[in-house]
């Protein structure tokens, strides 16, 4: 189940890491068509417009990653359940057993 009621404390750590990676992608690696191939250092007096664009681009990357992850989990829900049940029953599984 997804939504505000199903969020755990572990999600905060995941969101922090995802935000950090997305920020590096935009501000250090030049991975934004809107900002271009440049480094953006927040402490160097950049315009509010540029900083808002950085934030918007980071938000877009994190939201897209979330939607992709949610989609994968939803599409593979039966496989996750079968794997969890097998692990509860057998405690360990080989890679071949997991493929079956």
N, C-alpha and C. Protein backbone atom coordinates (compact mmCIF):
# COMPACT_ATOMS: atom_id res chain seq x y z
N UNK A 1 0.85 -1.18 0.00
CA UNK A 1 0.00 0.00 0.00
C UNK A 1 0.89 1.23 0.00
N UNK A 2 0.54 2.21 -0.80
CA UNK A 2 1.30 3.44 -0.89
C UNK A 2 0.49 4.60 -0.35
N UNK A 3 1.16 5.66 -0.04
CA UNK A 3 0.47 6.84 0.44
C UNK A 3 1.05 7.33 1.73
N UNK A 4 0.55 8.45 2.19
CA UNK A 4 1.07 9.09 3.40
C UNK A 4 0.96 8.19 4.62
N UNK A 5 -0.06 7.36 4.68
CA UNK A 5 -0.27 6.49 5.83
C UNK A 5 0.69 5.30 5.86
N UNK A 6 1.30 4.97 4.74
CA UNK A 6 2.16 3.80 4.66
C UNK A 6 3.65 4.14 4.64
N UNK A 7 4.01 5.40 4.87
CA UNK A 7 5.40 5.83 4.85
C UNK A 7 6.04 5.50 6.19
N UNK A 8 7.26 4.92 6.13
CA UNK A 8 7.98 4.58 7.35
C UNK A 8 9.18 5.51 7.52
N UNK A 9 9.84 5.39 8.66
CA UNK A 9 11.03 6.19 8.92
C UNK A 9 12.15 5.90 7.94
N UNK A 10 12.20 4.68 7.43
CA UNK A 10 13.22 4.33 6.45
C UNK A 10 13.11 5.13 5.18
N UNK A 11 11.91 5.57 4.87
CA UNK A 11 11.70 6.36 3.66
C UNK A 11 12.44 7.69 3.74
N UNK A 12 12.57 8.25 4.92
CA UNK A 12 13.26 9.53 5.07
C UNK A 12 14.72 9.41 4.63
N UNK A 13 15.37 8.33 5.03
CA UNK A 13 16.75 8.11 4.62
C UNK A 13 16.86 7.92 3.11
N UNK A 14 15.93 7.17 2.54
CA UNK A 14 15.93 6.95 1.09
C UNK A 14 15.71 8.26 0.35
N UNK A 15 14.78 9.07 0.82
CA UNK A 15 14.51 10.36 0.18
C UNK A 15 15.71 11.30 0.30
N UNK A 16 16.38 11.26 1.44
CA UNK A 16 17.57 12.10 1.64
C UNK A 16 18.66 11.71 0.64
N UNK A 17 18.89 10.41 0.49
CA UNK A 17 19.91 9.94 -0.45
C UNK A 17 19.52 10.26 -1.88
N UNK A 18 18.28 10.02 -2.24
CA UNK A 18 17.81 10.30 -3.60
C UNK A 18 17.94 11.79 -3.92
N UNK A 19 17.58 12.64 -2.96
CA UNK A 19 17.68 14.08 -3.16
C UNK A 19 19.13 14.51 -3.32
N UNK A 20 20.01 13.93 -2.53
CA UNK A 20 21.43 14.25 -2.62
C UNK A 20 22.00 13.86 -3.98
N UNK A 21 21.67 12.66 -4.44
CA UNK A 21 22.15 12.21 -5.75
C UNK A 21 21.60 13.09 -6.86
N UNK A 22 20.30 13.39 -6.82
CA UNK A 22 19.69 14.24 -7.84
C UNK A 22 20.31 15.64 -7.84
N UNK A 23 20.58 16.15 -6.65
CA UNK A 23 21.21 17.48 -6.55
C UNK A 23 22.59 17.47 -7.19
N UNK A 24 23.36 16.42 -6.93
CA UNK A 24 24.69 16.30 -7.54
C UNK A 24 24.58 16.19 -9.07
N UNK A 25 23.59 15.44 -9.53
CA UNK A 25 23.38 15.30 -10.97
C UNK A 25 23.16 16.66 -11.63
N UNK A 26 22.39 17.51 -10.97
CA UNK A 26 22.04 18.82 -11.54
C UNK A 26 23.15 19.84 -11.33
N UNK A 27 23.67 19.93 -10.10
CA UNK A 27 24.59 21.03 -9.76
C UNK A 27 26.05 20.75 -10.06
N UNK A 28 26.45 19.48 -10.14
CA UNK A 28 27.87 19.17 -10.35
C UNK A 28 28.15 18.46 -11.66
N UNK A 29 27.18 17.70 -12.14
CA UNK A 29 27.44 16.88 -13.32
C UNK A 29 26.80 17.42 -14.60
N UNK A 30 26.11 18.53 -14.50
CA UNK A 30 25.53 19.16 -15.69
C UNK A 30 24.47 18.34 -16.38
N UNK A 31 23.67 17.62 -15.60
CA UNK A 31 22.66 16.72 -16.19
C UNK A 31 21.28 17.36 -16.23
N UNK A 32 21.22 18.61 -16.65
CA UNK A 32 19.94 19.31 -16.77
C UNK A 32 19.93 20.12 -18.06
N UNK A 33 18.95 19.86 -18.90
CA UNK A 33 18.81 20.65 -20.12
C UNK A 33 18.45 22.09 -19.81
N UNK A 34 17.69 22.32 -18.73
CA UNK A 34 17.26 23.67 -18.38
C UNK A 34 18.42 24.52 -17.87
N UNK A 35 19.33 23.91 -17.13
CA UNK A 35 20.45 24.66 -16.55
C UNK A 35 21.68 24.59 -17.44
N UNK A 36 21.81 23.51 -18.15
CA UNK A 36 22.94 23.37 -19.05
C UNK A 36 24.11 22.65 -18.40
N UNK A 37 25.17 22.53 -19.15
CA UNK A 37 26.37 21.83 -18.70
C UNK A 37 27.25 22.79 -17.91
N UNK A 38 26.92 22.93 -16.64
CA UNK A 38 27.66 23.84 -15.77
C UNK A 38 27.57 23.38 -14.34
N UNK A 39 28.43 23.91 -13.51
CA UNK A 39 28.41 23.63 -12.08
C UNK A 39 27.70 24.80 -11.40
N UNK A 40 26.79 24.47 -10.51
CA UNK A 40 26.06 25.49 -9.76
C UNK A 40 26.43 25.34 -8.29
N UNK A 41 27.03 26.39 -7.72
CA UNK A 41 27.40 26.39 -6.31
C UNK A 41 26.44 27.34 -5.61
N UNK A 42 25.67 26.81 -4.66
CA UNK A 42 24.63 27.61 -4.00
C UNK A 42 25.19 28.82 -3.26
N UNK A 43 26.39 28.73 -2.75
CA UNK A 43 26.94 29.83 -1.95
C UNK A 43 27.54 30.95 -2.79
N UNK A 44 27.46 30.88 -4.10
CA UNK A 44 28.11 31.87 -4.95
C UNK A 44 27.17 32.93 -5.50
N UNK A 45 26.14 33.27 -4.77
CA UNK A 45 25.27 34.37 -5.16
C UNK A 45 24.50 34.14 -6.44
N UNK A 46 24.06 32.93 -6.68
CA UNK A 46 23.24 32.65 -7.86
C UNK A 46 21.87 33.29 -7.69
N UNK A 47 21.22 33.54 -8.81
CA UNK A 47 19.90 34.16 -8.76
C UNK A 47 18.88 33.22 -8.15
N UNK A 48 17.82 33.80 -7.61
CA UNK A 48 16.72 33.01 -7.07
C UNK A 48 16.09 32.16 -8.16
N UNK A 49 16.05 32.70 -9.38
CA UNK A 49 15.48 31.96 -10.50
C UNK A 49 16.29 30.69 -10.78
N UNK A 50 17.62 30.81 -10.77
CA UNK A 50 18.47 29.65 -11.00
C UNK A 50 18.30 28.63 -9.88
N UNK A 51 18.29 29.09 -8.65
CA UNK A 51 18.13 28.16 -7.52
C UNK A 51 16.78 27.48 -7.54
N UNK A 52 15.74 28.19 -7.95
CA UNK A 52 14.41 27.57 -8.08
C UNK A 52 14.42 26.53 -9.20
N UNK A 53 15.12 26.82 -10.28
CA UNK A 53 15.21 25.86 -11.37
C UNK A 53 15.94 24.60 -10.91
N UNK A 54 17.02 24.77 -10.14
CA UNK A 54 17.74 23.62 -9.58
C UNK A 54 16.77 22.79 -8.73
N UNK A 55 16.05 23.45 -7.83
CA UNK A 55 15.11 22.74 -6.96
C UNK A 55 14.03 22.02 -7.78
N UNK A 56 13.53 22.67 -8.81
CA UNK A 56 12.50 22.05 -9.66
C UNK A 56 13.05 20.82 -10.39
N UNK A 57 14.28 20.92 -10.88
CA UNK A 57 14.89 19.79 -11.58
C UNK A 57 15.15 18.62 -10.62
N UNK A 58 15.61 18.93 -9.41
CA UNK A 58 15.84 17.89 -8.40
C UNK A 58 14.52 17.22 -8.05
N UNK A 59 13.49 18.01 -7.83
CA UNK A 59 12.17 17.47 -7.51
C UNK A 59 11.68 16.56 -8.63
N UNK A 60 11.87 16.96 -9.87
CA UNK A 60 11.43 16.17 -11.01
C UNK A 60 12.15 14.81 -11.04
N UNK A 61 13.45 14.80 -10.81
CA UNK A 61 14.21 13.55 -10.82
C UNK A 61 13.75 12.63 -9.70
N UNK A 62 13.59 13.17 -8.50
CA UNK A 62 13.17 12.35 -7.36
C UNK A 62 11.76 11.82 -7.57
N UNK A 63 10.85 12.65 -8.04
CA UNK A 63 9.48 12.20 -8.30
C UNK A 63 9.44 11.13 -9.38
N UNK A 64 10.22 11.31 -10.43
CA UNK A 64 10.25 10.32 -11.51
C UNK A 64 10.81 8.99 -10.99
N UNK A 65 11.85 9.05 -10.18
CA UNK A 65 12.43 7.83 -9.60
C UNK A 65 11.42 7.13 -8.69
N UNK A 66 10.69 7.92 -7.90
CA UNK A 66 9.66 7.36 -7.02
C UNK A 66 8.59 6.65 -7.82
N UNK A 67 8.11 7.30 -8.86
CA UNK A 67 7.05 6.71 -9.69
C UNK A 67 7.55 5.43 -10.37
N UNK A 68 8.80 5.44 -10.85
CA UNK A 68 9.35 4.23 -11.47
C UNK A 68 9.47 3.10 -10.45
N UNK A 69 9.94 3.41 -9.25
CA UNK A 69 10.07 2.39 -8.20
C UNK A 69 8.70 1.84 -7.81
N UNK A 70 7.74 2.72 -7.63
CA UNK A 70 6.39 2.31 -7.26
C UNK A 70 5.79 1.41 -8.35
N UNK A 71 6.03 1.77 -9.59
CA UNK A 71 5.52 0.98 -10.71
C UNK A 71 6.15 -0.42 -10.72
N UNK A 72 7.45 -0.50 -10.52
CA UNK A 72 8.13 -1.80 -10.49
C UNK A 72 7.63 -2.67 -9.33
N UNK A 73 7.46 -2.06 -8.17
CA UNK A 73 6.98 -2.81 -7.01
C UNK A 73 5.56 -3.31 -7.26
N UNK A 74 4.72 -2.47 -7.80
CA UNK A 74 3.33 -2.84 -8.07
C UNK A 74 3.26 -3.97 -9.11
N UNK A 75 4.02 -3.83 -10.19
CA UNK A 75 4.00 -4.84 -11.24
C UNK A 75 4.54 -6.18 -10.77
N UNK A 76 5.43 -6.17 -9.80
CA UNK A 76 6.07 -7.40 -9.34
C UNK A 76 5.61 -7.82 -7.95
N UNK A 77 4.46 -7.35 -7.53
CA UNK A 77 3.95 -7.63 -6.19
C UNK A 77 3.82 -9.13 -5.91
N UNK A 78 3.34 -9.88 -6.86
CA UNK A 78 3.18 -11.33 -6.66
C UNK A 78 4.53 -12.01 -6.47
N UNK A 79 5.53 -11.58 -7.24
CA UNK A 79 6.87 -12.14 -7.09
C UNK A 79 7.47 -11.81 -5.73
N UNK A 80 7.26 -10.58 -5.27
CA UNK A 80 7.76 -10.19 -3.94
C UNK A 80 7.13 -11.04 -2.85
N UNK A 81 5.84 -11.24 -2.98
CA UNK A 81 5.12 -12.02 -1.98
C UNK A 81 5.61 -13.47 -1.97
N UNK A 82 5.79 -14.05 -3.16
CA UNK A 82 6.27 -15.44 -3.25
C UNK A 82 7.68 -15.56 -2.67
N UNK A 83 8.52 -14.58 -2.94
CA UNK A 83 9.88 -14.60 -2.41
C UNK A 83 9.86 -14.49 -0.89
N UNK A 84 9.06 -13.59 -0.37
CA UNK A 84 8.97 -13.43 1.09
C UNK A 84 8.47 -14.71 1.76
N UNK A 85 7.47 -15.33 1.17
CA UNK A 85 6.94 -16.57 1.73
C UNK A 85 7.98 -17.69 1.68
N UNK A 86 8.74 -17.79 0.59
CA UNK A 86 9.78 -18.81 0.48
C UNK A 86 10.89 -18.56 1.50
N UNK A 87 11.24 -17.30 1.71
CA UNK A 87 12.27 -16.99 2.71
C UNK A 87 11.79 -17.30 4.13
N UNK A 88 10.54 -17.03 4.40
CA UNK A 88 10.00 -17.39 5.71
C UNK A 88 10.02 -18.90 5.93
N UNK A 89 9.73 -19.65 4.87
CA UNK A 89 9.68 -21.11 4.97
C UNK A 89 11.07 -21.73 5.02
N UNK A 90 11.98 -21.29 4.16
CA UNK A 90 13.28 -21.94 4.01
C UNK A 90 14.45 -21.16 4.62
N UNK A 91 14.25 -19.91 4.96
CA UNK A 91 15.24 -19.00 5.54
C UNK A 91 16.31 -18.56 4.55
N UNK A 92 16.81 -19.46 3.71
CA UNK A 92 17.79 -19.09 2.69
C UNK A 92 17.38 -19.71 1.37
N UNK A 93 17.76 -19.06 0.29
CA UNK A 93 17.46 -19.56 -1.05
C UNK A 93 18.70 -19.35 -1.92
N UNK A 94 18.93 -20.27 -2.83
CA UNK A 94 19.98 -20.08 -3.81
C UNK A 94 19.45 -19.21 -4.94
N UNK A 95 20.32 -18.71 -5.78
CA UNK A 95 19.87 -17.89 -6.90
C UNK A 95 18.98 -18.71 -7.84
N UNK A 96 19.29 -19.99 -8.02
CA UNK A 96 18.45 -20.83 -8.87
C UNK A 96 17.05 -21.00 -8.27
N UNK A 97 16.97 -21.18 -6.97
CA UNK A 97 15.67 -21.31 -6.31
C UNK A 97 14.86 -20.02 -6.42
N UNK A 98 15.54 -18.90 -6.39
CA UNK A 98 14.83 -17.62 -6.51
C UNK A 98 14.29 -17.43 -7.91
N UNK A 99 14.97 -17.93 -8.91
CA UNK A 99 14.51 -17.79 -10.30
C UNK A 99 13.28 -18.65 -10.57
N UNK A 100 13.17 -19.77 -9.87
CA UNK A 100 12.06 -20.69 -10.09
C UNK A 100 10.83 -20.14 -9.52
